[in-house]
Amino acid sequence: MRRLMGIAIALGAVWAGTIQGKEGVMPDLKGKKVLMVIAATDFRDEEYFEPYNRLRQCGAVVTVASSVKGAAVSVFGKTVTTDRQIAECKAGDYDAVVFIGGPGATEFFTNATAHVLARAAVDQGKVLAAICIAPVTLANAGVLKGKQATCFPSLQKQLTMQGTRVVKQDVVQDGKLLTATGPQVAREFAEALVKMLE
């Protein structure tokens, strides 16, 4: 009887350890390609660095694009080297396209190239994500019409005007679309993006 109890306890420990181990396993994004679009000036630091670092940590290949090739400068003065100009990018080359917010992201609100990229991502079944004010670019591209989404609170009316069903949540997923309200949820945005790519 004692022996059976000992075996049961041991098996229970192994089972519990397996569950715990699963929760601690790093998501595997090897082979996944992600395009991150940032403003040439004043992109928001947390909204870029949180997903960028997390995606790379999980093995994804991240390409950074902007309206200029070379250096982009964040709100807090950090310089990021961009790999490509947005005009050189094709949604079909990536598994996800991510638009980063910050004050400078207004440059893409009426940018035809950004709109074409966003529409192509949706048409080709890619993950399309945006945070802070960047969802306005997606709305203006017409890809949020009839979809659930969110953005920086003061600009949510712009989404509604484009037919978006604005949800009062910090991070919103609708199919392969992911949106978030701002820098305070950059980490949650990053984790949601990783899960969508798994």
N, C-alpha and C. Protein backbone atom coordinates (compact mmCIF):
# COMPACT_ATOMS: atom_id res chain seq x y z
N MET A 1 0.84 -1.21 0.00
CA MET A 1 0.00 0.00 0.00
C MET A 1 0.87 1.26 0.00
N ARG A 2 1.90 1.24 0.88
CA ARG A 2 2.80 2.39 0.94
C ARG A 2 3.51 2.58 -0.40
N ARG A 3 3.87 1.42 -1.01
CA ARG A 3 4.56 1.49 -2.29
C ARG A 3 3.66 2.12 -3.36
N LEU A 4 2.39 1.71 -3.38
CA LEU A 4 1.44 2.26 -4.34
C LEU A 4 1.25 3.76 -4.14
N MET A 5 1.18 4.16 -2.87
CA MET A 5 1.03 5.59 -2.57
C MET A 5 2.26 6.35 -3.04
N GLY A 6 3.42 5.75 -2.83
CA GLY A 6 4.67 6.38 -3.25
C GLY A 6 4.71 6.58 -4.75
N ILE A 7 4.26 5.54 -5.49
CA ILE A 7 4.22 5.63 -6.96
C ILE A 7 3.24 6.71 -7.40
N ALA A 8 2.08 6.75 -6.74
CA ALA A 8 1.06 7.75 -7.08
C ALA A 8 1.58 9.16 -6.86
N ILE A 9 2.28 9.35 -5.72
CA ILE A 9 2.84 10.67 -5.41
C ILE A 9 3.89 11.05 -6.45
N ALA A 10 4.74 10.06 -6.80
CA ALA A 10 5.80 10.32 -7.78
C ALA A 10 5.21 10.67 -9.14
N LEU A 11 4.18 9.91 -9.55
CA LEU A 11 3.52 10.20 -10.83
C LEU A 11 2.86 11.57 -10.81
N GLY A 12 2.26 11.91 -9.68
CA GLY A 12 1.64 13.23 -9.53
C GLY A 12 2.65 14.34 -9.67
N ALA A 13 3.82 14.13 -9.09
CA ALA A 13 4.89 15.13 -9.17
C ALA A 13 5.37 15.29 -10.61
N VAL A 14 5.52 14.15 -11.31
CA VAL A 14 5.95 14.20 -12.71
C VAL A 14 4.91 14.92 -13.55
N TRP A 15 3.61 14.59 -13.33
CA TRP A 15 2.52 15.22 -14.07
C TRP A 15 2.50 16.72 -13.84
N ALA A 16 2.62 17.11 -12.56
CA ALA A 16 2.63 18.54 -12.21
C ALA A 16 3.83 19.23 -12.84
N GLY A 17 4.96 18.54 -12.81
CA GLY A 17 6.17 19.11 -13.39
C GLY A 17 6.03 19.32 -14.89
N THR A 18 5.35 18.36 -15.54
CA THR A 18 5.12 18.47 -16.98
C THR A 18 4.26 19.68 -17.30
N ILE A 19 3.19 19.86 -16.51
CA ILE A 19 2.30 21.01 -16.72
C ILE A 19 3.08 22.31 -16.53
N GLN A 20 3.84 22.36 -15.44
CA GLN A 20 4.60 23.57 -15.13
C GLN A 20 5.63 23.84 -16.22
N GLY A 21 6.25 22.76 -16.67
CA GLY A 21 7.26 22.90 -17.72
C GLY A 21 6.66 23.45 -19.00
N LYS A 22 5.45 22.98 -19.33
CA LYS A 22 4.79 23.44 -20.54
C LYS A 22 4.55 24.94 -20.50
N GLU A 23 4.13 25.42 -19.33
CA GLU A 23 3.85 26.85 -19.19
C GLU A 23 5.12 27.67 -19.35
N GLY A 24 6.26 27.08 -18.98
CA GLY A 24 7.51 27.81 -19.04
C GLY A 24 8.24 27.68 -20.37
N VAL A 25 7.67 26.92 -21.32
CA VAL A 25 8.33 26.70 -22.60
C VAL A 25 8.29 27.97 -23.44
N MET A 26 9.44 28.31 -24.03
CA MET A 26 9.54 29.49 -24.90
C MET A 26 8.81 29.21 -26.22
N PRO A 27 7.92 30.10 -26.65
CA PRO A 27 7.26 29.90 -27.95
C PRO A 27 8.31 29.82 -29.06
N ASP A 28 8.08 28.96 -30.03
CA ASP A 28 9.03 28.77 -31.12
C ASP A 28 8.52 29.46 -32.38
N LEU A 29 9.15 30.57 -32.73
CA LEU A 29 8.77 31.31 -33.93
C LEU A 29 9.85 31.23 -35.01
N LYS A 30 10.71 30.22 -34.91
CA LYS A 30 11.76 30.05 -35.93
C LYS A 30 11.12 29.87 -37.30
N GLY A 31 11.65 30.60 -38.26
CA GLY A 31 11.09 30.54 -39.60
C GLY A 31 10.03 31.59 -39.86
N LYS A 32 9.54 32.24 -38.81
CA LYS A 32 8.53 33.30 -38.97
C LYS A 32 9.22 34.62 -39.30
N LYS A 33 8.62 35.37 -40.20
CA LYS A 33 9.16 36.66 -40.60
C LYS A 33 8.15 37.76 -40.29
N VAL A 34 8.64 38.79 -39.63
CA VAL A 34 7.76 39.88 -39.20
C VAL A 34 8.30 41.21 -39.71
N LEU A 35 7.42 42.02 -40.27
CA LEU A 35 7.77 43.37 -40.70
C LEU A 35 7.21 44.36 -39.70
N MET A 36 8.08 45.18 -39.12
CA MET A 36 7.63 46.23 -38.20
C MET A 36 7.82 47.58 -38.88
N VAL A 37 6.75 48.37 -38.92
CA VAL A 37 6.77 49.68 -39.57
C VAL A 37 6.79 50.76 -38.50
N ILE A 38 7.83 51.60 -38.53
CA ILE A 38 7.96 52.68 -37.55
C ILE A 38 8.08 54.03 -38.25
N ALA A 39 7.69 55.07 -37.55
CA ALA A 39 7.83 56.43 -38.08
C ALA A 39 9.30 56.82 -38.11
N ALA A 40 9.66 57.68 -39.04
CA ALA A 40 11.05 58.13 -39.14
C ALA A 40 11.47 58.91 -37.90
N THR A 41 10.53 59.60 -37.29
CA THR A 41 10.79 60.31 -36.03
C THR A 41 9.59 60.12 -35.10
N ASP A 42 9.89 60.08 -33.83
CA ASP A 42 8.86 60.01 -32.78
C ASP A 42 7.98 58.76 -32.81
N PHE A 43 8.57 57.59 -33.08
CA PHE A 43 7.84 56.36 -32.82
C PHE A 43 7.98 56.09 -31.32
N ARG A 44 7.02 55.40 -30.73
CA ARG A 44 7.02 55.20 -29.28
C ARG A 44 7.91 54.02 -28.89
N ASP A 45 8.83 54.28 -27.98
CA ASP A 45 9.86 53.30 -27.59
C ASP A 45 9.30 51.94 -27.16
N GLU A 46 8.42 51.94 -26.16
CA GLU A 46 7.92 50.67 -25.62
C GLU A 46 7.16 49.87 -26.67
N GLU A 47 6.42 50.58 -27.49
CA GLU A 47 5.59 49.91 -28.49
C GLU A 47 6.43 49.22 -29.56
N TYR A 48 7.65 49.72 -29.74
CA TYR A 48 8.57 49.09 -30.68
C TYR A 48 9.44 48.03 -30.00
N PHE A 49 10.11 48.42 -28.92
CA PHE A 49 11.10 47.52 -28.31
C PHE A 49 10.50 46.28 -27.66
N GLU A 50 9.32 46.40 -27.05
CA GLU A 50 8.71 45.23 -26.41
C GLU A 50 8.43 44.12 -27.43
N PRO A 51 7.68 44.39 -28.50
CA PRO A 51 7.44 43.32 -29.48
C PRO A 51 8.70 42.92 -30.24
N TYR A 52 9.55 43.89 -30.56
CA TYR A 52 10.78 43.58 -31.31
C TYR A 52 11.64 42.58 -30.54
N ASN A 53 11.89 42.88 -29.28
CA ASN A 53 12.73 42.00 -28.47
C ASN A 53 12.08 40.65 -28.22
N ARG A 54 10.78 40.65 -27.97
CA ARG A 54 10.08 39.39 -27.70
C ARG A 54 10.05 38.49 -28.93
N LEU A 55 9.78 39.07 -30.07
CA LEU A 55 9.75 38.29 -31.31
C LEU A 55 11.10 37.66 -31.61
N ARG A 56 12.15 38.45 -31.45
CA ARG A 56 13.50 37.93 -31.70
C ARG A 56 13.88 36.87 -30.67
N GLN A 57 13.47 37.08 -29.43
CA GLN A 57 13.73 36.11 -28.37
C GLN A 57 13.11 34.76 -28.71
N CYS A 58 11.98 34.79 -29.38
CA CYS A 58 11.27 33.55 -29.75
C CYS A 58 11.74 32.98 -31.09
N GLY A 59 12.71 33.63 -31.71
CA GLY A 59 13.31 33.09 -32.93
C GLY A 59 12.82 33.67 -34.23
N ALA A 60 11.92 34.66 -34.18
CA ALA A 60 11.42 35.26 -35.42
C ALA A 60 12.48 36.17 -36.04
N VAL A 61 12.41 36.31 -37.35
CA VAL A 61 13.26 37.25 -38.06
C VAL A 61 12.46 38.54 -38.23
N VAL A 62 12.99 39.64 -37.71
CA VAL A 62 12.26 40.91 -37.74
C VAL A 62 12.94 41.90 -38.68
N THR A 63 12.17 42.43 -39.61
CA THR A 63 12.64 43.46 -40.52
C THR A 63 11.98 44.77 -40.11
N VAL A 64 12.77 45.84 -40.04
CA VAL A 64 12.24 47.15 -39.63
C VAL A 64 12.19 48.08 -40.83
N ALA A 65 11.02 48.64 -41.07
CA ALA A 65 10.84 49.54 -42.21
C ALA A 65 10.31 50.89 -41.75
N SER A 66 10.62 51.91 -42.55
CA SER A 66 10.12 53.26 -42.27
C SER A 66 9.98 53.99 -43.60
N SER A 67 9.63 55.25 -43.52
CA SER A 67 9.53 56.05 -44.74
C SER A 67 10.91 56.40 -45.28
N VAL A 68 11.92 56.25 -44.41
CA VAL A 68 13.30 56.48 -44.83
C VAL A 68 14.15 55.27 -44.43
N LYS A 69 15.17 55.00 -45.22
CA LYS A 69 16.08 53.91 -44.88
C LYS A 69 17.29 54.50 -44.19
N GLY A 70 17.71 53.87 -43.11
CA GLY A 70 18.87 54.38 -42.37
C GLY A 70 18.58 54.45 -40.90
N ALA A 71 18.29 55.63 -40.39
CA ALA A 71 18.06 55.79 -38.96
C ALA A 71 16.69 56.41 -38.68
N ALA A 72 16.01 55.84 -37.71
CA ALA A 72 14.74 56.40 -37.21
C ALA A 72 14.95 56.72 -35.74
N VAL A 73 14.33 57.79 -35.28
CA VAL A 73 14.54 58.25 -33.90
C VAL A 73 13.24 58.18 -33.11
N SER A 74 13.34 57.59 -31.92
CA SER A 74 12.16 57.39 -31.07
C SER A 74 11.78 58.65 -30.31
N VAL A 75 10.64 58.58 -29.63
CA VAL A 75 10.17 59.68 -28.78
C VAL A 75 11.23 60.04 -27.74
N PHE A 76 11.89 59.04 -27.18
CA PHE A 76 12.88 59.27 -26.13
C PHE A 76 14.31 59.36 -26.67
N GLY A 77 14.43 59.59 -27.97
CA GLY A 77 15.74 59.86 -28.56
C GLY A 77 16.60 58.67 -28.90
N LYS A 78 16.03 57.47 -28.88
CA LYS A 78 16.81 56.29 -29.25
C LYS A 78 16.80 56.14 -30.77
N THR A 79 17.95 55.77 -31.31
CA THR A 79 18.07 55.60 -32.75
C THR A 79 17.98 54.13 -33.12
N VAL A 80 17.17 53.84 -34.11
CA VAL A 80 17.02 52.47 -34.61
C VAL A 80 17.39 52.47 -36.09
N THR A 81 18.19 51.51 -36.48
CA THR A 81 18.56 51.38 -37.89
C THR A 81 17.45 50.64 -38.63
N THR A 82 16.90 51.26 -39.64
CA THR A 82 15.84 50.62 -40.42
C THR A 82 16.46 49.81 -41.55
N ASP A 83 15.83 48.68 -41.86
CA ASP A 83 16.36 47.79 -42.89
C ASP A 83 15.89 48.16 -44.29
N ARG A 84 14.67 48.70 -44.35
CA ARG A 84 14.10 49.00 -45.66
C ARG A 84 13.18 50.21 -45.59
N GLN A 85 12.90 50.75 -46.76
CA GLN A 85 11.84 51.75 -46.87
C GLN A 85 10.53 50.99 -47.05
N ILE A 86 9.47 51.55 -46.54
CA ILE A 86 8.17 50.87 -46.61
C ILE A 86 7.77 50.59 -48.06
N ALA A 87 8.18 51.45 -48.98
CA ALA A 87 7.85 51.26 -50.40
C ALA A 87 8.49 50.01 -50.98
N GLU A 88 9.53 49.51 -50.34
CA GLU A 88 10.23 48.30 -50.82
C GLU A 88 9.61 47.01 -50.29
N CYS A 89 8.67 47.14 -49.38
CA CYS A 89 8.15 45.96 -48.66
C CYS A 89 6.89 45.39 -49.29
N LYS A 90 6.82 44.06 -49.30
CA LYS A 90 5.64 43.35 -49.79
C LYS A 90 5.11 42.45 -48.68
N ALA A 91 3.82 42.54 -48.43
CA ALA A 91 3.21 41.76 -47.36
C ALA A 91 3.44 40.26 -47.53
N GLY A 92 3.49 39.81 -48.76
CA GLY A 92 3.67 38.39 -49.04
C GLY A 92 4.98 37.82 -48.55
N ASP A 93 5.95 38.69 -48.27
CA ASP A 93 7.26 38.23 -47.80
C ASP A 93 7.28 37.96 -46.30
N TYR A 94 6.18 38.27 -45.61
CA TYR A 94 6.17 38.19 -44.15
C TYR A 94 4.96 37.42 -43.63
N ASP A 95 5.09 36.94 -42.40
CA ASP A 95 3.98 36.28 -41.72
C ASP A 95 3.11 37.29 -40.97
N ALA A 96 3.71 38.44 -40.65
CA ALA A 96 2.98 39.49 -39.93
C ALA A 96 3.51 40.85 -40.32
N VAL A 97 2.62 41.82 -40.35
CA VAL A 97 2.98 43.22 -40.56
C VAL A 97 2.48 43.99 -39.34
N VAL A 98 3.39 44.74 -38.70
CA VAL A 98 3.07 45.42 -37.45
C VAL A 98 3.36 46.91 -37.56
N PHE A 99 2.33 47.73 -37.35
CA PHE A 99 2.50 49.19 -37.37
C PHE A 99 2.63 49.69 -35.93
N ILE A 100 3.73 50.39 -35.67
CA ILE A 100 4.03 50.90 -34.33
C ILE A 100 3.55 52.35 -34.20
N GLY A 101 3.07 52.70 -33.00
CA GLY A 101 2.53 54.03 -32.77
C GLY A 101 3.55 55.05 -32.29
N GLY A 102 3.05 56.06 -31.62
CA GLY A 102 3.85 57.22 -31.23
C GLY A 102 3.42 58.40 -32.07
N PRO A 103 3.71 59.63 -31.63
CA PRO A 103 3.25 60.83 -32.34
C PRO A 103 3.61 60.85 -33.82
N GLY A 104 4.79 60.32 -34.14
CA GLY A 104 5.24 60.33 -35.53
C GLY A 104 4.46 59.42 -36.46
N ALA A 105 3.69 58.50 -35.90
CA ALA A 105 2.95 57.53 -36.72
C ALA A 105 1.85 58.19 -37.55
N THR A 106 1.56 59.46 -37.29
CA THR A 106 0.58 60.17 -38.12
C THR A 106 1.04 60.24 -39.57
N GLU A 107 2.35 60.08 -39.81
CA GLU A 107 2.85 60.16 -41.19
C GLU A 107 2.27 59.06 -42.08
N PHE A 108 1.75 58.00 -41.47
CA PHE A 108 1.18 56.91 -42.26
C PHE A 108 -0.34 56.96 -42.36
N PHE A 109 -0.97 57.90 -41.66
CA PHE A 109 -2.44 57.99 -41.67
C PHE A 109 -3.01 58.06 -43.09
N THR A 110 -2.38 58.89 -43.92
CA THR A 110 -2.87 59.08 -45.29
C THR A 110 -1.83 58.62 -46.32
N ASN A 111 -0.92 57.76 -45.89
CA ASN A 111 0.15 57.28 -46.75
C ASN A 111 -0.35 56.11 -47.61
N ALA A 112 -0.44 56.33 -48.91
CA ALA A 112 -0.99 55.33 -49.82
C ALA A 112 -0.19 54.02 -49.79
N THR A 113 1.12 54.12 -49.65
CA THR A 113 1.96 52.92 -49.60
C THR A 113 1.65 52.08 -48.37
N ALA A 114 1.46 52.75 -47.23
CA ALA A 114 1.11 52.05 -45.99
C ALA A 114 -0.26 51.38 -46.13
N HIS A 115 -1.18 52.07 -46.78
CA HIS A 115 -2.53 51.52 -46.98
C HIS A 115 -2.50 50.27 -47.87
N VAL A 116 -1.70 50.33 -48.93
CA VAL A 116 -1.57 49.18 -49.84
C VAL A 116 -0.98 47.99 -49.08
N LEU A 117 0.02 48.25 -48.25
CA LEU A 117 0.67 47.20 -47.47
C LEU A 117 -0.32 46.55 -46.50
N ALA A 118 -1.12 47.38 -45.82
CA ALA A 118 -2.11 46.87 -44.87
C ALA A 118 -3.17 46.03 -45.57
N ARG A 119 -3.66 46.52 -46.70
CA ARG A 119 -4.68 45.77 -47.45
C ARG A 119 -4.13 44.45 -47.98
N ALA A 120 -2.89 44.49 -48.44
CA ALA A 120 -2.26 43.27 -48.96
C ALA A 120 -2.09 42.23 -47.86
N ALA A 121 -1.74 42.69 -46.66
CA ALA A 121 -1.58 41.77 -45.53
C ALA A 121 -2.89 41.04 -45.24
N VAL A 122 -3.99 41.78 -45.26
CA VAL A 122 -5.31 41.18 -45.01
C VAL A 122 -5.69 40.24 -46.15
N ASP A 123 -5.52 40.70 -47.38
CA ASP A 123 -5.90 39.90 -48.55
C ASP A 123 -5.13 38.58 -48.61
N GLN A 124 -3.89 38.60 -48.11
CA GLN A 124 -3.04 37.41 -48.18
C GLN A 124 -3.05 36.59 -46.89
N GLY A 125 -3.96 36.93 -45.98
CA GLY A 125 -4.12 36.14 -44.77
C GLY A 125 -3.00 36.27 -43.76
N LYS A 126 -2.31 37.39 -43.77
CA LYS A 126 -1.22 37.62 -42.82
C LYS A 126 -1.77 38.19 -41.51
N VAL A 127 -0.99 38.07 -40.46
CA VAL A 127 -1.33 38.76 -39.21
C VAL A 127 -1.05 40.25 -39.44
N LEU A 128 -2.00 41.10 -39.08
CA LEU A 128 -1.84 42.54 -39.21
C LEU A 128 -2.10 43.16 -37.84
N ALA A 129 -1.10 43.89 -37.33
CA ALA A 129 -1.20 44.44 -35.98
C ALA A 129 -0.84 45.92 -35.96
N ALA A 130 -1.42 46.64 -34.99
CA ALA A 130 -1.12 48.06 -34.82
C ALA A 130 -1.41 48.46 -33.38
N ILE A 131 -0.63 49.40 -32.88
CA ILE A 131 -0.77 49.83 -31.49
C ILE A 131 -0.79 51.36 -31.39
N CYS A 132 -1.46 51.85 -30.36
CA CYS A 132 -1.52 53.29 -30.06
C CYS A 132 -2.34 54.02 -31.13
N ILE A 133 -1.73 54.98 -31.83
CA ILE A 133 -2.47 55.70 -32.86
C ILE A 133 -2.39 55.00 -34.22
N ALA A 134 -1.53 54.01 -34.34
CA ALA A 134 -1.32 53.33 -35.63
C ALA A 134 -2.56 52.63 -36.19
N PRO A 135 -3.51 52.15 -35.35
CA PRO A 135 -4.72 51.56 -35.94
C PRO A 135 -5.50 52.53 -36.85
N VAL A 136 -5.28 53.83 -36.69
CA VAL A 136 -5.95 54.80 -37.57
C VAL A 136 -5.49 54.57 -39.02
N THR A 137 -4.22 54.23 -39.20
CA THR A 137 -3.71 53.92 -40.53
C THR A 137 -4.47 52.73 -41.12
N LEU A 138 -4.69 51.71 -40.30
CA LEU A 138 -5.43 50.53 -40.76
C LEU A 138 -6.87 50.89 -41.11
N ALA A 139 -7.48 51.71 -40.26
CA ALA A 139 -8.86 52.14 -40.51
C ALA A 139 -8.96 52.93 -41.81
N ASN A 140 -8.01 53.84 -42.02
CA ASN A 140 -8.01 54.64 -43.24
C ASN A 140 -7.73 53.79 -44.49
N ALA A 141 -7.07 52.65 -44.28
CA ALA A 141 -6.81 51.73 -45.39
C ALA A 141 -8.05 50.90 -45.71
N GLY A 142 -9.04 50.95 -44.81
CA GLY A 142 -10.30 50.24 -45.03
C GLY A 142 -10.34 48.82 -44.51
N VAL A 143 -9.30 48.41 -43.77
CA VAL A 143 -9.24 47.01 -43.34
C VAL A 143 -9.91 46.75 -41.99
N LEU A 144 -10.35 47.81 -41.31
CA LEU A 144 -11.00 47.62 -40.01
C LEU A 144 -12.53 47.75 -40.10
N LYS A 145 -13.04 47.99 -41.28
CA LYS A 145 -14.49 48.15 -41.44
C LYS A 145 -15.21 46.87 -41.02
N GLY A 146 -16.13 47.02 -40.06
CA GLY A 146 -16.89 45.87 -39.56
C GLY A 146 -16.12 44.98 -38.60
N LYS A 147 -14.88 45.35 -38.30
CA LYS A 147 -14.04 44.55 -37.41
C LYS A 147 -13.99 45.16 -36.01
N GLN A 148 -13.69 44.33 -35.02
CA GLN A 148 -13.49 44.81 -33.66
C GLN A 148 -12.04 45.27 -33.51
N ALA A 149 -11.85 46.43 -32.94
CA ALA A 149 -10.49 46.97 -32.78
C ALA A 149 -10.49 48.05 -31.70
N THR A 150 -9.30 48.51 -31.38
CA THR A 150 -9.14 49.62 -30.45
C THR A 150 -7.94 50.46 -30.87
N CYS A 151 -7.74 51.58 -30.20
CA CYS A 151 -6.57 52.42 -30.45
C CYS A 151 -6.44 53.40 -29.29
N PHE A 152 -5.52 54.34 -29.40
CA PHE A 152 -5.36 55.36 -28.37
C PHE A 152 -6.71 56.06 -28.18
N PRO A 153 -7.17 56.16 -26.92
CA PRO A 153 -8.54 56.64 -26.65
C PRO A 153 -8.98 57.91 -27.38
N SER A 154 -8.11 58.91 -27.48
CA SER A 154 -8.52 60.17 -28.09
C SER A 154 -8.77 60.07 -29.59
N LEU A 155 -8.36 58.96 -30.20
CA LEU A 155 -8.54 58.80 -31.65
C LEU A 155 -9.55 57.71 -32.01
N GLN A 156 -10.23 57.18 -31.01
CA GLN A 156 -11.17 56.09 -31.29
C GLN A 156 -12.32 56.50 -32.19
N LYS A 157 -12.68 57.78 -32.16
CA LYS A 157 -13.76 58.26 -33.04
C LYS A 157 -13.37 58.13 -34.51
N GLN A 158 -12.07 58.26 -34.78
CA GLN A 158 -11.61 58.13 -36.17
C GLN A 158 -11.81 56.70 -36.67
N LEU A 159 -11.67 55.75 -35.77
CA LEU A 159 -11.93 54.35 -36.14
C LEU A 159 -13.42 54.15 -36.40
N THR A 160 -14.24 54.69 -35.50
CA THR A 160 -15.69 54.56 -35.64
C THR A 160 -16.18 55.15 -36.96
N MET A 161 -15.61 56.29 -37.34
CA MET A 161 -15.99 56.95 -38.59
C MET A 161 -15.70 56.08 -39.82
N GLN A 162 -14.75 55.17 -39.67
CA GLN A 162 -14.39 54.28 -40.78
C GLN A 162 -15.09 52.92 -40.67
N GLY A 163 -16.09 52.84 -39.78
CA GLY A 163 -16.89 51.63 -39.68
C GLY A 163 -16.33 50.56 -38.77
N THR A 164 -15.35 50.93 -37.95
CA THR A 164 -14.76 49.98 -37.01
C THR A 164 -15.66 49.82 -35.80
N ARG A 165 -15.77 48.61 -35.28
CA ARG A 165 -16.51 48.35 -34.04
C ARG A 165 -15.51 48.49 -32.89
N VAL A 166 -15.41 49.68 -32.33
CA VAL A 166 -14.43 49.95 -31.28
C VAL A 166 -14.81 49.22 -29.99
N VAL A 167 -13.84 48.50 -29.44
CA VAL A 167 -14.04 47.73 -28.21
C VAL A 167 -13.26 48.41 -27.09
N LYS A 168 -13.89 48.58 -25.93
CA LYS A 168 -13.24 49.25 -24.80
C LYS A 168 -12.35 48.27 -24.03
N GLN A 169 -11.34 47.78 -24.72
CA GLN A 169 -10.33 46.91 -24.12
C GLN A 169 -8.97 47.39 -24.55
N ASP A 170 -7.94 47.04 -23.79
CA ASP A 170 -6.58 47.50 -24.10
C ASP A 170 -5.96 46.78 -25.28
N VAL A 171 -6.25 45.49 -25.41
CA VAL A 171 -5.73 44.69 -26.52
C VAL A 171 -6.90 43.92 -27.13
N VAL A 172 -7.08 44.06 -28.43
CA VAL A 172 -8.23 43.44 -29.10
C VAL A 172 -7.76 42.62 -30.30
N GLN A 173 -8.20 41.38 -30.35
CA GLN A 173 -7.92 40.52 -31.50
C GLN A 173 -9.22 40.18 -32.20
N ASP A 174 -9.23 40.33 -33.51
CA ASP A 174 -10.37 39.93 -34.33
C ASP A 174 -9.81 39.15 -35.51
N GLY A 175 -9.87 37.84 -35.43
CA GLY A 175 -9.26 37.02 -36.47
C GLY A 175 -7.76 37.23 -36.49
N LYS A 176 -7.24 37.66 -37.63
CA LYS A 176 -5.80 37.90 -37.74
C LYS A 176 -5.44 39.37 -37.56
N LEU A 177 -6.39 40.15 -37.06
CA LEU A 177 -6.14 41.56 -36.76
C LEU A 177 -5.90 41.73 -35.27
N LEU A 178 -4.87 42.50 -34.92
CA LEU A 178 -4.56 42.77 -33.52
C LEU A 178 -4.33 44.26 -33.33
N THR A 179 -5.01 44.85 -32.36
CA THR A 179 -4.83 46.27 -32.06
C THR A 179 -4.71 46.48 -30.56
N ALA A 180 -4.07 47.58 -30.17
CA ALA A 180 -3.89 47.88 -28.75
C ALA A 180 -3.88 49.38 -28.54
N THR A 181 -4.15 49.79 -27.29
CA THR A 181 -4.36 51.21 -26.99
C THR A 181 -3.11 52.07 -26.85
N GLY A 182 -1.99 51.50 -26.39
CA GLY A 182 -0.83 52.35 -26.22
C GLY A 182 0.32 51.72 -25.47
N PRO A 183 1.32 52.52 -25.11
CA PRO A 183 2.56 52.01 -24.53
C PRO A 183 2.39 51.25 -23.22
N GLN A 184 1.35 51.56 -22.46
CA GLN A 184 1.16 50.89 -21.18
C GLN A 184 0.83 49.40 -21.34
N VAL A 185 0.42 49.00 -22.53
CA VAL A 185 0.11 47.58 -22.78
C VAL A 185 1.01 47.00 -23.88
N ALA A 186 2.17 47.60 -24.05
CA ALA A 186 3.09 47.12 -25.09
C ALA A 186 3.50 45.67 -24.88
N ARG A 187 3.70 45.29 -23.63
CA ARG A 187 4.09 43.90 -23.34
C ARG A 187 2.96 42.93 -23.67
N GLU A 188 1.74 43.28 -23.27
CA GLU A 188 0.59 42.43 -23.57
C GLU A 188 0.37 42.32 -25.08
N PHE A 189 0.58 43.43 -25.77
CA PHE A 189 0.49 43.46 -27.23
C PHE A 189 1.51 42.50 -27.84
N ALA A 190 2.73 42.55 -27.31
CA ALA A 190 3.80 41.68 -27.80
C ALA A 190 3.45 40.21 -27.59
N GLU A 191 2.94 39.88 -26.41
CA GLU A 191 2.60 38.48 -26.11
C GLU A 191 1.46 37.99 -26.99
N ALA A 192 0.47 38.84 -27.22
CA ALA A 192 -0.65 38.46 -28.08
C ALA A 192 -0.17 38.22 -29.51
N LEU A 193 0.76 39.04 -29.96
CA LEU A 193 1.32 38.90 -31.30
C LEU A 193 2.07 37.58 -31.43
N VAL A 194 2.86 37.25 -30.42
CA VAL A 194 3.60 35.98 -30.42
C VAL A 194 2.64 34.80 -30.51
N LYS A 195 1.57 34.84 -29.72
CA LYS A 195 0.59 33.73 -29.72
C LYS A 195 -0.07 33.58 -31.08
N MET A 196 -0.34 34.69 -31.74
CA MET A 196 -0.97 34.63 -33.05
C MET A 196 -0.05 34.02 -34.11
N LEU A 197 1.24 34.12 -33.88
CA LEU A 197 2.22 33.61 -34.84
C LEU A 197 2.64 32.17 -34.56
N GLU A 198 2.29 31.65 -33.38
CA GLU A 198 2.69 30.28 -33.03
C GLU A 198 2.05 29.25 -33.95
